[in-house]
Amino acid sequence: SINWREPLHFIRYHYLKLFKMMIVGFVAFTMLDLIT
């Protein structure tokens, strides 16, 4: 059986996956946005 921590691990894993995908683009966009 899966313990109660598994859903939290699942959510954390997918949040970090999305964050790693998003953060570089967000930083680059905000710098470009500021000067355009």
PDB file of all heavy atoms in Angstrom:
ATOM      1  N   SER A   1       0.824  -1.194   0.000  1.00  0.00           N
ATOM      2  CA  SER A   1       0.000   0.000   0.000  1.00  0.00           C
ATOM      3  C   SER A   1       0.866   1.254   0.000  1.00  0.00           C
ATOM      4  O   SER A   1       2.024   1.240   0.389  1.00  0.00           O
ATOM      5  CB  SER A   1      -0.908   0.015   1.226  1.00  0.00           C
ATOM      6  OG  SER A   1      -0.122   0.007   2.405  1.00  0.00           O
ATOM      7  N   ILE A   2       0.245   2.360  -0.452  1.00  0.00           N
ATOM      8  CA  ILE A   2       0.936   3.644  -0.501  1.00  0.00           C
ATOM      9  C   ILE A   2       0.630   4.407   0.771  1.00  0.00           C
ATOM     10  O   ILE A   2      -0.521   4.521   1.178  1.00  0.00           O
ATOM     11  CB  ILE A   2       0.475   4.450  -1.723  1.00  0.00           C
ATOM     12  CG1 ILE A   2       0.784   3.667  -2.998  1.00  0.00           C
ATOM     13  CG2 ILE A   2       1.131   5.806  -1.767  1.00  0.00           C
ATOM     14  CD1 ILE A   2       0.275   4.328  -4.250  1.00  0.00           C
ATOM     15  N   ASN A   3       1.639   4.966   1.396  1.00  0.00           N
ATOM     16  CA  ASN A   3       1.398   5.701   2.625  1.00  0.00           C
ATOM     17  C   ASN A   3       0.845   7.087   2.316  1.00  0.00           C
ATOM     18  O   ASN A   3       0.806   7.524   1.163  1.00  0.00           O
ATOM     19  CB  ASN A   3       2.683   5.788   3.461  1.00  0.00           C
ATOM     20  CG  ASN A   3       3.813   6.510   2.734  1.00  0.00           C
ATOM     21  OD1 ASN A   3       3.601   7.531   2.097  1.00  0.00           O
ATOM     22  ND2 ASN A   3       5.022   5.968   2.834  1.00  0.00           N
ATOM     23  N   TRP A   4       0.453   7.785   3.338  1.00  0.00           N
ATOM     24  CA  TRP A   4      -0.217   9.076   3.172  1.00  0.00           C
ATOM     25  C   TRP A   4       0.691  10.140   2.593  1.00  0.00           C
ATOM     26  O   TRP A   4       0.231  11.150   2.074  1.00  0.00           O
ATOM     27  CB  TRP A   4      -0.753   9.545   4.529  1.00  0.00           C
ATOM     28  CG  TRP A   4       0.325   9.799   5.554  1.00  0.00           C
ATOM     29  CD1 TRP A   4       0.850   8.901   6.424  1.00  0.00           C
ATOM     30  CD2 TRP A   4       1.008  11.035   5.790  1.00  0.00           C
ATOM     31  NE1 TRP A   4       1.827   9.497   7.200  1.00  0.00           N
ATOM     32  CE2 TRP A   4       1.940  10.814   6.836  1.00  0.00           C
ATOM     33  CE3 TRP A   4       0.919  12.316   5.236  1.00  0.00           C
ATOM     34  CZ2 TRP A   4       2.768  11.810   7.317  1.00  0.00           C
ATOM     35  CZ3 TRP A   4       1.752  13.315   5.726  1.00  0.00           C
ATOM     36  CH2 TRP A   4       2.657  13.053   6.762  1.00  0.00           C
ATOM     37  N   ARG A   5       2.015   9.934   2.653  1.00  0.00           N
ATOM     38  CA  ARG A   5       2.935  10.928   2.115  1.00  0.00           C
ATOM     39  C   ARG A   5       3.010  10.891   0.589  1.00  0.00           C
ATOM     40  O   ARG A   5       3.437  11.856  -0.035  1.00  0.00           O
ATOM     41  CB  ARG A   5       4.334  10.714   2.684  1.00  0.00           C
ATOM     42  CG  ARG A   5       4.462  10.946   4.183  1.00  0.00           C
ATOM     43  CD  ARG A   5       5.926  10.853   4.613  1.00  0.00           C
ATOM     44  NE  ARG A   5       6.082  11.033   6.041  1.00  0.00           N
ATOM     45  CZ  ARG A   5       6.057  10.039   6.924  1.00  0.00           C
ATOM     46  NH1 ARG A   5       5.857   8.792   6.490  1.00  0.00           N
ATOM     47  NH2 ARG A   5       6.210  10.271   8.215  1.00  0.00           N
ATOM     48  N   GLU A   6       2.616   9.785  -0.005  1.00  0.00           N
ATOM     49  CA  GLU A   6       2.783   9.632  -1.456  1.00  0.00           C
ATOM     50  C   GLU A   6       2.068  10.715  -2.264  1.00  0.00           C
ATOM     51  O   GLU A   6       2.648  11.253  -3.211  1.00  0.00           O
ATOM     52  CB  GLU A   6       2.304   8.238  -1.891  1.00  0.00           C
ATOM     53  CG  GLU A   6       2.487   7.937  -3.366  1.00  0.00           C
ATOM     54  CD  GLU A   6       3.940   7.975  -3.806  1.00  0.00           C
ATOM     55  OE1 GLU A   6       4.837   7.770  -2.963  1.00  0.00           O
ATOM     56  OE2 GLU A   6       4.171   8.229  -4.993  1.00  0.00           O
ATOM     57  N   PRO A   7       0.812  11.094  -1.937  1.00  0.00           N
ATOM     58  CA  PRO A   7       0.194  12.197  -2.694  1.00  0.00           C
ATOM     59  C   PRO A   7       0.987  13.497  -2.612  1.00  0.00           C
ATOM     60  O   PRO A   7       1.100  14.223  -3.615  1.00  0.00           O
ATOM     61  CB  PRO A   7      -1.187  12.337  -2.036  1.00  0.00           C
ATOM     62  CG  PRO A   7      -1.469  10.993  -1.465  1.00  0.00           C
ATOM     63  CD  PRO A   7      -0.141  10.482  -1.006  1.00  0.00           C
ATOM     64  N   LEU A   8       1.545  13.798  -1.439  1.00  0.00           N
ATOM     65  CA  LEU A   8       2.351  15.012  -1.300  1.00  0.00           C
ATOM     66  C   LEU A   8       3.622  14.924  -2.131  1.00  0.00           C
ATOM     67  O   LEU A   8       4.044  15.911  -2.753  1.00  0.00           O
ATOM     68  CB  LEU A   8       2.694  15.256   0.167  1.00  0.00           C
ATOM     69  CG  LEU A   8       1.510  15.524   1.106  1.00  0.00           C
ATOM     70  CD1 LEU A   8       2.000  15.711   2.532  1.00  0.00           C
ATOM     71  CD2 LEU A   8       0.728  16.747   0.637  1.00  0.00           C
ATOM     72  N   HIS A   9       4.237  13.758  -2.149  1.00  0.00           N
ATOM     73  CA  HIS A   9       5.427  13.566  -2.976  1.00  0.00           C
ATOM     74  C   HIS A   9       5.085  13.732  -4.454  1.00  0.00           C
ATOM     75  O   HIS A   9       5.848  14.333  -5.220  1.00  0.00           O
ATOM     76  CB  HIS A   9       6.021  12.184  -2.737  1.00  0.00           C
ATOM     77  CG  HIS A   9       6.596  12.014  -1.370  1.00  0.00           C
ATOM     78  ND1 HIS A   9       6.899  10.770  -0.828  1.00  0.00           N
ATOM     79  CD2 HIS A   9       6.919  12.912  -0.411  1.00  0.00           C
ATOM     80  CE1 HIS A   9       7.390  10.936   0.397  1.00  0.00           C
ATOM     81  NE2 HIS A   9       7.400  12.228   0.661  1.00  0.00           N
ATOM     82  N   PHE A  10       3.934  13.193  -4.851  1.00  0.00           N
ATOM     83  CA  PHE A  10       3.484  13.299  -6.240  1.00  0.00           C
ATOM     84  C   PHE A  10       3.308  14.760  -6.641  1.00  0.00           C
ATOM     85  O   PHE A  10       3.800  15.207  -7.688  1.00  0.00           O
ATOM     86  CB  PHE A  10       2.166  12.532  -6.402  1.00  0.00           C
ATOM     87  CG  PHE A  10       1.558  12.608  -7.774  1.00  0.00           C
ATOM     88  CD1 PHE A  10       1.816  11.636  -8.722  1.00  0.00           C
ATOM     89  CD2 PHE A  10       0.712  13.657  -8.122  1.00  0.00           C
ATOM     90  CE1 PHE A  10       1.255  11.701  -9.984  1.00  0.00           C
ATOM     91  CE2 PHE A  10       0.144  13.739  -9.380  1.00  0.00           C
ATOM     92  CZ  PHE A  10       0.414  12.758 -10.313  1.00  0.00           C
ATOM     93  N   ILE A  11       2.605  15.515  -5.809  1.00  0.00           N
ATOM     94  CA  ILE A  11       2.340  16.927  -6.108  1.00  0.00           C
ATOM     95  C   ILE A  11       3.636  17.721  -6.127  1.00  0.00           C
ATOM     96  O   ILE A  11       3.860  18.568  -7.006  1.00  0.00           O
ATOM     97  CB  ILE A  11       1.340  17.500  -5.088  1.00  0.00           C
ATOM     98  CG1 ILE A  11      -0.016  16.791  -5.237  1.00  0.00           C
ATOM     99  CG2 ILE A  11       1.184  19.003  -5.272  1.00  0.00           C
ATOM    100  CD1 ILE A  11      -0.982  17.081  -4.104  1.00  0.00           C
ATOM    101  N   ARG A  12       4.515  17.456  -5.151  1.00  0.00           N
ATOM    102  CA  ARG A  12       5.793  18.166  -5.098  1.00  0.00           C
ATOM    103  C   ARG A  12       6.624  17.869  -6.346  1.00  0.00           C
ATOM    104  O   ARG A  12       7.230  18.784  -6.934  1.00  0.00           O
ATOM    105  CB  ARG A  12       6.563  17.753  -3.848  1.00  0.00           C
ATOM    106  CG  ARG A  12       7.955  18.378  -3.728  1.00  0.00           C
ATOM    107  CD  ARG A  12       8.656  17.913  -2.454  1.00  0.00           C
ATOM    108  NE  ARG A  12       9.989  18.468  -2.358  1.00  0.00           N
ATOM    109  CZ  ARG A  12      11.081  17.916  -2.897  1.00  0.00           C
ATOM    110  NH1 ARG A  12      10.970  16.770  -3.575  1.00  0.00           N
ATOM    111  NH2 ARG A  12      12.254  18.489  -2.761  1.00  0.00           N
ATOM    112  N   TYR A  13       6.667  16.626  -6.751  1.00  0.00           N
ATOM    113  CA  TYR A  13       7.437  16.238  -7.928  1.00  0.00           C
ATOM    114  C   TYR A  13       6.957  16.979  -9.173  1.00  0.00           C
ATOM    115  O   TYR A  13       7.755  17.528  -9.949  1.00  0.00           O
ATOM    116  CB  TYR A  13       7.336  14.727  -8.135  1.00  0.00           C
ATOM    117  CG  TYR A  13       7.888  14.235  -9.447  1.00  0.00           C
ATOM    118  CD1 TYR A  13       9.251  14.053  -9.625  1.00  0.00           C
ATOM    119  CD2 TYR A  13       7.044  13.958 -10.518  1.00  0.00           C
ATOM    120  CE1 TYR A  13       9.764  13.600 -10.835  1.00  0.00           C
ATOM    121  CE2 TYR A  13       7.541  13.511 -11.729  1.00  0.00           C
ATOM    122  CZ  TYR A  13       8.903  13.332 -11.884  1.00  0.00           C
ATOM    123  OH  TYR A  13       9.396  12.894 -13.082  1.00  0.00           O
ATOM    124  N   HIS A  14       5.643  17.025  -9.363  1.00  0.00           N
ATOM    125  CA  HIS A  14       5.116  17.658 -10.570  1.00  0.00           C
ATOM    126  C   HIS A  14       5.190  19.176 -10.493  1.00  0.00           C
ATOM    127  O   HIS A  14       5.339  19.841 -11.526  1.00  0.00           O
ATOM    128  CB  HIS A  14       3.689  17.169 -10.830  1.00  0.00           C
ATOM    129  CG  HIS A  14       3.643  15.775 -11.370  1.00  0.00           C
ATOM    130  ND1 HIS A  14       3.906  15.484 -12.685  1.00  0.00           N
ATOM    131  CD2 HIS A  14       3.393  14.586 -10.765  1.00  0.00           C
ATOM    132  CE1 HIS A  14       3.810  14.176 -12.886  1.00  0.00           C
ATOM    133  NE2 HIS A  14       3.498  13.607 -11.731  1.00  0.00           N
ATOM    134  N   TYR A  15       5.083  19.723  -9.295  1.00  0.00           N
ATOM    135  CA  TYR A  15       5.281  21.175  -9.164  1.00  0.00           C
ATOM    136  C   TYR A  15       6.709  21.545  -9.562  1.00  0.00           C
ATOM    137  O   TYR A  15       6.922  22.506 -10.315  1.00  0.00           O
ATOM    138  CB  TYR A  15       5.005  21.638  -7.729  1.00  0.00           C
ATOM    139  CG  TYR A  15       5.495  23.043  -7.476  1.00  0.00           C
ATOM    140  CD1 TYR A  15       4.795  24.144  -7.948  1.00  0.00           C
ATOM    141  CD2 TYR A  15       6.704  23.268  -6.796  1.00  0.00           C
ATOM    142  CE1 TYR A  15       5.267  25.439  -7.737  1.00  0.00           C
ATOM    143  CE2 TYR A  15       7.179  24.554  -6.581  1.00  0.00           C
ATOM    144  CZ  TYR A  15       6.456  25.634  -7.056  1.00  0.00           C
ATOM    145  OH  TYR A  15       6.938  26.905  -6.861  1.00  0.00           O
ATOM    146  N   LEU A  16       7.687  20.817  -9.063  1.00  0.00           N
ATOM    147  CA  LEU A  16       9.080  21.111  -9.398  1.00  0.00           C
ATOM    148  C   LEU A  16       9.354  20.917 -10.881  1.00  0.00           C
ATOM    149  O   LEU A  16      10.127  21.675 -11.486  1.00  0.00           O
ATOM    150  CB  LEU A  16      10.014  20.228  -8.564  1.00  0.00           C
ATOM    151  CG  LEU A  16      10.049  20.543  -7.062  1.00  0.00           C
ATOM    152  CD1 LEU A  16      10.931  19.530  -6.331  1.00  0.00           C
ATOM    153  CD2 LEU A  16      10.544  21.963  -6.812  1.00  0.00           C
ATOM    154  N   LYS A  17       8.718  19.918 -11.470  1.00  0.00           N
ATOM    155  CA  LYS A  17       8.887  19.701 -12.909  1.00  0.00           C
ATOM    156  C   LYS A  17       8.369  20.908 -13.703  1.00  0.00           C
ATOM    157  O   LYS A  17       9.032  21.394 -14.623  1.00  0.00           O
ATOM    158  CB  LYS A  17       8.148  18.434 -13.335  1.00  0.00           C
ATOM    159  CG  LYS A  17       8.320  18.078 -14.807  1.00  0.00           C
ATOM    160  CD  LYS A  17       7.619  16.777 -15.153  1.00  0.00           C
ATOM    161  CE  LYS A  17       6.116  16.963 -15.155  1.00  0.00           C
ATOM    162  NZ  LYS A  17       5.403  15.767 -15.684  1.00  0.00           N
ATOM    163  N   LEU A  18       7.185  21.405 -13.326  1.00  0.00           N
ATOM    164  CA  LEU A  18       6.628  22.584 -13.981  1.00  0.00           C
ATOM    165  C   LEU A  18       7.473  23.828 -13.702  1.00  0.00           C
ATOM    166  O   LEU A  18       7.700  24.654 -14.590  1.00  0.00           O
ATOM    167  CB  LEU A  18       5.192  22.815 -13.506  1.00  0.00           C
ATOM    168  CG  LEU A  18       4.143  21.782 -13.937  1.00  0.00           C
ATOM    169  CD1 LEU A  18       2.839  22.021 -13.201  1.00  0.00           C
ATOM    170  CD2 LEU A  18       3.920  21.830 -15.448  1.00  0.00           C
ATOM    171  N   PHE A  19       7.941  23.954 -12.455  1.00  0.00           N
ATOM    172  CA  PHE A  19       8.728  25.132 -12.070  1.00  0.00           C
ATOM    173  C   PHE A  19      10.025  25.198 -12.861  1.00  0.00           C
ATOM    174  O   PHE A  19      10.412  26.271 -13.357  1.00  0.00           O
ATOM    175  CB  PHE A  19       9.019  25.093 -10.574  1.00  0.00           C
ATOM    176  CG  PHE A  19       9.760  26.298 -10.073  1.00  0.00           C
ATOM    177  CD1 PHE A  19       9.080  27.460  -9.743  1.00  0.00           C
ATOM    178  CD2 PHE A  19      11.140  26.273  -9.928  1.00  0.00           C
ATOM    179  CE1 PHE A  19       9.763  28.580  -9.282  1.00  0.00           C
ATOM    180  CE2 PHE A  19      11.831  27.383  -9.470  1.00  0.00           C
ATOM    181  CZ  PHE A  19      11.137  28.541  -9.150  1.00  0.00           C
ATOM    182  N   LYS A  20      10.725  24.078 -12.978  1.00  0.00           N
ATOM    183  CA  LYS A  20      11.982  24.051 -13.730  1.00  0.00           C
ATOM    184  C   LYS A  20      11.758  24.398 -15.198  1.00  0.00           C
ATOM    185  O   LYS A  20      12.623  24.986 -15.849  1.00  0.00           O
ATOM    186  CB  LYS A  20      12.633  22.672 -13.609  1.00  0.00           C
ATOM    187  CG  LYS A  20      13.136  22.352 -12.212  1.00  0.00           C
ATOM    188  CD  LYS A  20      13.636  20.919 -12.135  1.00  0.00           C
ATOM    189  CE  LYS A  20      14.062  20.547 -10.723  1.00  0.00           C
ATOM    190  NZ  LYS A  20      14.491  19.130 -10.615  1.00  0.00           N
ATOM    191  N   MET A  21      10.599  24.010 -15.718  1.00  0.00           N
ATOM    192  CA  MET A  21      10.278  24.325 -17.099  1.00  0.00           C
ATOM    193  C   MET A  21       9.983  25.817 -17.276  1.00  0.00           C
ATOM    194  O   MET A  21      10.376  26.439 -18.261  1.00  0.00           O
ATOM    195  CB  MET A  21       9.051  23.503 -17.535  1.00  0.00           C
ATOM    196  CG  MET A  21       8.705  23.623 -19.003  1.00  0.00           C
ATOM    197  SD  MET A  21       7.112  22.838 -19.409  1.00  0.00           S
ATOM    198  CE  MET A  21       7.349  21.217 -18.692  1.00  0.00           C
ATOM    199  N   MET A  22       9.308  26.394 -16.283  1.00  0.00           N
ATOM    200  CA  MET A  22       8.810  27.753 -16.412  1.00  0.00           C
ATOM    201  C   MET A  22       9.811  28.835 -16.045  1.00  0.00           C
ATOM    202  O   MET A  22       9.841  29.908 -16.656  1.00  0.00           O
ATOM    203  CB  MET A  22       7.550  27.892 -15.539  1.00  0.00           C
ATOM    204  CG  MET A  22       6.917  29.273 -15.532  1.00  0.00           C
ATOM    205  SD  MET A  22       7.471  30.302 -14.133  1.00  0.00           S
ATOM    206  CE  MET A  22       6.731  29.431 -12.768  1.00  0.00           C
ATOM    207  N   ILE A  23      10.660  28.599 -15.053  1.00  0.00           N
ATOM    208  CA  ILE A  23      11.403  29.680 -14.411  1.00  0.00           C
ATOM    209  C   ILE A  23      12.371  30.386 -15.362  1.00  0.00           C
ATOM    210  O   ILE A  23      12.476  31.627 -15.348  1.00  0.00           O
ATOM    211  CB  ILE A  23      12.153  29.152 -13.154  1.00  0.00           C
ATOM    212  CG1 ILE A  23      12.782  30.313 -12.385  1.00  0.00           C
ATOM    213  CG2 ILE A  23      13.177  28.104 -13.528  1.00  0.00           C
ATOM    214  CD1 ILE A  23      11.800  31.336 -11.885  1.00  0.00           C
ATOM    215  N   VAL A  24      13.079  29.651 -16.212  1.00  0.00           N
ATOM    216  CA  VAL A  24      14.040  30.287 -17.120  1.00  0.00           C
ATOM    217  C   VAL A  24      13.311  31.202 -18.096  1.00  0.00           C
ATOM    218  O   VAL A  24      13.723  32.339 -18.347  1.00  0.00           O
ATOM    219  CB  VAL A  24      14.864  29.223 -17.866  1.00  0.00           C
ATOM    220  CG1 VAL A  24      15.776  29.888 -18.897  1.00  0.00           C
ATOM    221  CG2 VAL A  24      15.686  28.399 -16.888  1.00  0.00           C
ATOM    222  N   GLY A  25      12.213  30.719 -18.650  1.00  0.00           N
ATOM    223  CA  GLY A  25      11.442  31.531 -19.574  1.00  0.00           C
ATOM    224  C   GLY A  25      10.853  32.757 -18.902  1.00  0.00           C
ATOM    225  O   GLY A  25      10.823  33.850 -19.495  1.00  0.00           O
ATOM    226  N   PHE A  26      10.381  32.600 -17.671  1.00  0.00           N
ATOM    227  CA  PHE A  26       9.785  33.728 -16.952  1.00  0.00           C
ATOM    228  C   PHE A  26      10.825  34.811 -16.679  1.00  0.00           C
ATOM    229  O   PHE A  26      10.566  36.004 -16.876  1.00  0.00           O
ATOM    230  CB  PHE A  26       9.165  33.239 -15.646  1.00  0.00           C
ATOM    231  CG  PHE A  26       8.547  34.327 -14.814  1.00  0.00           C
ATOM    232  CD1 PHE A  26       7.445  35.022 -15.271  1.00  0.00           C
ATOM    233  CD2 PHE A  26       9.088  34.660 -13.577  1.00  0.00           C
ATOM    234  CE1 PHE A  26       6.874  36.035 -14.503  1.00  0.00           C
ATOM    235  CE2 PHE A  26       8.526  35.664 -12.804  1.00  0.00           C
ATOM    236  CZ  PHE A  26       7.420  36.356 -13.273  1.00  0.00           C
ATOM    237  N   VAL A  27      12.008  34.409 -16.232  1.00  0.00           N
ATOM    238  CA  VAL A  27      13.072  35.377 -15.957  1.00  0.00           C
ATOM    239  C   VAL A  27      13.476  36.107 -17.237  1.00  0.00           C
ATOM    240  O   VAL A  27      13.599  37.345 -17.258  1.00  0.00           O
ATOM    241  CB  VAL A  27      14.285  34.677 -15.321  1.00  0.00           C
ATOM    242  CG1 VAL A  27      15.472  35.621 -15.256  1.00  0.00           C
ATOM    243  CG2 VAL A  27      13.935  34.168 -13.927  1.00  0.00           C
ATOM    244  N   ALA A  28      13.668  35.356 -18.311  1.00  0.00           N
ATOM    245  CA  ALA A  28      14.066  35.979 -19.582  1.00  0.00           C
ATOM    246  C   ALA A  28      12.983  36.929 -20.082  1.00  0.00           C
ATOM    247  O   ALA A  28      13.281  38.027 -20.573  1.00  0.00           O
ATOM    248  CB  ALA A  28      14.351  34.896 -20.619  1.00  0.00           C
ATOM    249  N   PHE A  29      11.723  36.518 -19.942  1.00  0.00           N
ATOM    250  CA  PHE A  29      10.636  37.365 -20.433  1.00  0.00           C
ATOM    251  C   PHE A  29      10.527  38.654 -19.634  1.00  0.00           C
ATOM    252  O   PHE A  29      10.322  39.733 -20.212  1.00  0.00           O
ATOM    253  CB  PHE A  29       9.304  36.607 -20.383  1.00  0.00           C
ATOM    254  CG  PHE A  29       8.143  37.435 -20.837  1.00  0.00           C
ATOM    255  CD1 PHE A  29       7.823  37.519 -22.178  1.00  0.00           C
ATOM    256  CD2 PHE A  29       7.356  38.142 -19.928  1.00  0.00           C
ATOM    257  CE1 PHE A  29       6.757  38.298 -22.618  1.00  0.00           C
ATOM    258  CE2 PHE A  29       6.298  38.918 -20.346  1.00  0.00           C
ATOM    259  CZ  PHE A  29       5.992  39.001 -21.696  1.00  0.00           C
ATOM    260  N   THR A  30      10.629  38.570 -18.317  1.00  0.00           N
ATOM    261  CA  THR A  30      10.491  39.785 -17.500  1.00  0.00           C
ATOM    262  C   THR A  30      11.583  40.801 -17.819  1.00  0.00           C
ATOM    263  O   THR A  30      11.324  42.015 -17.837  1.00  0.00           O
ATOM    264  CB  THR A  30      10.528  39.437 -16.004  1.00  0.00           C
ATOM    265  OG1 THR A  30      11.706  38.663 -15.715  1.00  0.00           O
ATOM    266  CG2 THR A  30       9.302  38.642 -15.600  1.00  0.00           C
ATOM    267  N   MET A  31      12.799  40.340 -18.082  1.00  0.00           N
ATOM    268  CA  MET A  31      13.881  41.268 -18.430  1.00  0.00           C
ATOM    269  C   MET A  31      13.635  41.911 -19.792  1.00  0.00           C
ATOM    270  O   MET A  31      13.838  43.113 -19.968  1.00  0.00           O
ATOM    271  CB  MET A  31      15.217  40.528 -18.412  1.00  0.00           C
ATOM    272  CG  MET A  31      15.652  40.097 -17.011  1.00  0.00           C
ATOM    273  SD  MET A  31      17.344  39.470 -16.951  1.00  0.00           S
ATOM    274  CE  MET A  31      17.196  37.971 -17.926  1.00  0.00           C
ATOM    275  N   LEU A  32      13.179  41.095 -20.754  1.00  0.00           N
ATOM    276  CA  LEU A  32      12.860  41.649 -22.069  1.00  0.00           C
ATOM    277  C   LEU A  32      11.676  42.601 -21.979  1.00  0.00           C
ATOM    278  O   LEU A  32      11.673  43.681 -22.601  1.00  0.00           O
ATOM    279  CB  LEU A  32      12.546  40.509 -23.040  1.00  0.00           C
ATOM    280  CG  LEU A  32      12.023  40.934 -24.408  1.00  0.00           C
ATOM    281  CD1 LEU A  32      13.130  41.620 -25.209  1.00  0.00           C
ATOM    282  CD2 LEU A  32      11.472  39.740 -25.182  1.00  0.00           C
ATOM    283  N   ASP A  33      10.677  42.223 -21.203  1.00  0.00           N
ATOM    284  CA  ASP A  33       9.469  43.031 -21.078  1.00  0.00           C
ATOM    285  C   ASP A  33       9.780  44.409 -20.512  1.00  0.00           C
ATOM    286  O   ASP A  33       9.165  45.412 -20.901  1.00  0.00           O
ATOM    287  CB  ASP A  33       8.462  42.301 -20.185  1.00  0.00           C
ATOM    288  CG  ASP A  33       7.132  43.008 -20.110  1.00  0.00           C
ATOM    289  OD1 ASP A  33       6.489  43.190 -21.154  1.00  0.00           O
ATOM    290  OD2 ASP A  33       6.725  43.387 -18.988  1.00  0.00           O
ATOM    291  N   LEU A  34      10.743  44.471 -19.613  1.00  0.00           N
ATOM    292  CA  LEU A  34      11.088  45.725 -18.961  1.00  0.00           C
ATOM    293  C   LEU A  34      11.692  46.736 -19.932  1.00  0.00           C
ATOM    294  O   LEU A  34      11.530  47.951 -19.760  1.00  0.00           O
ATOM    295  CB  LEU A  34      12.060  45.465 -17.804  1.00  0.00           C
ATOM    296  CG  LEU A  34      12.407  46.652 -16.901  1.00  0.00           C
ATOM    297  CD1 LEU A  34      11.154  47.154 -16.191  1.00  0.00           C
ATOM    298  CD2 LEU A  34      13.476  46.258 -15.893  1.00  0.00           C
ATOM    299  N   ILE A  35      12.371  46.257 -20.958  1.00  0.00           N
ATOM    300  CA  ILE A  35      13.079  47.166 -21.875  1.00  0.00           C
ATOM    301  C   ILE A  35      12.373  47.323 -23.215  1.00  0.00           C
ATOM    302  O   ILE A  35      12.926  47.923 -24.143  1.00  0.00           O
ATOM    303  CB  ILE A  35      14.527  46.686 -22.105  1.00  0.00           C
ATOM    304  CG1 ILE A  35      14.545  45.287 -22.729  1.00  0.00           C
ATOM    305  CG2 ILE A  35      15.314  46.700 -20.813  1.00  0.00           C
ATOM    306  CD1 ILE A  35      15.933  44.788 -23.088  1.00  0.00           C
ATOM    307  N   THR A  36      11.166  46.785 -23.348  1.00  0.00           N
ATOM    308  CA  THR A  36      10.394  46.925 -24.582  1.00  0.00           C
ATOM    309  C   THR A  36       9.106  47.679 -24.297  1.00  0.00           C
ATOM    310  O   THR A  36       8.634  47.711 -23.152  1.00  0.00           O
ATOM    311  CB  THR A  36      10.073  45.542 -25.187  1.00  0.00           C
ATOM    312  OG1 THR A  36       9.475  44.706 -24.186  1.00  0.00           O
ATOM    313  CG2 THR A  36      11.318  44.879 -25.731  1.00  0.00           C
TER     314      THR A  36
END
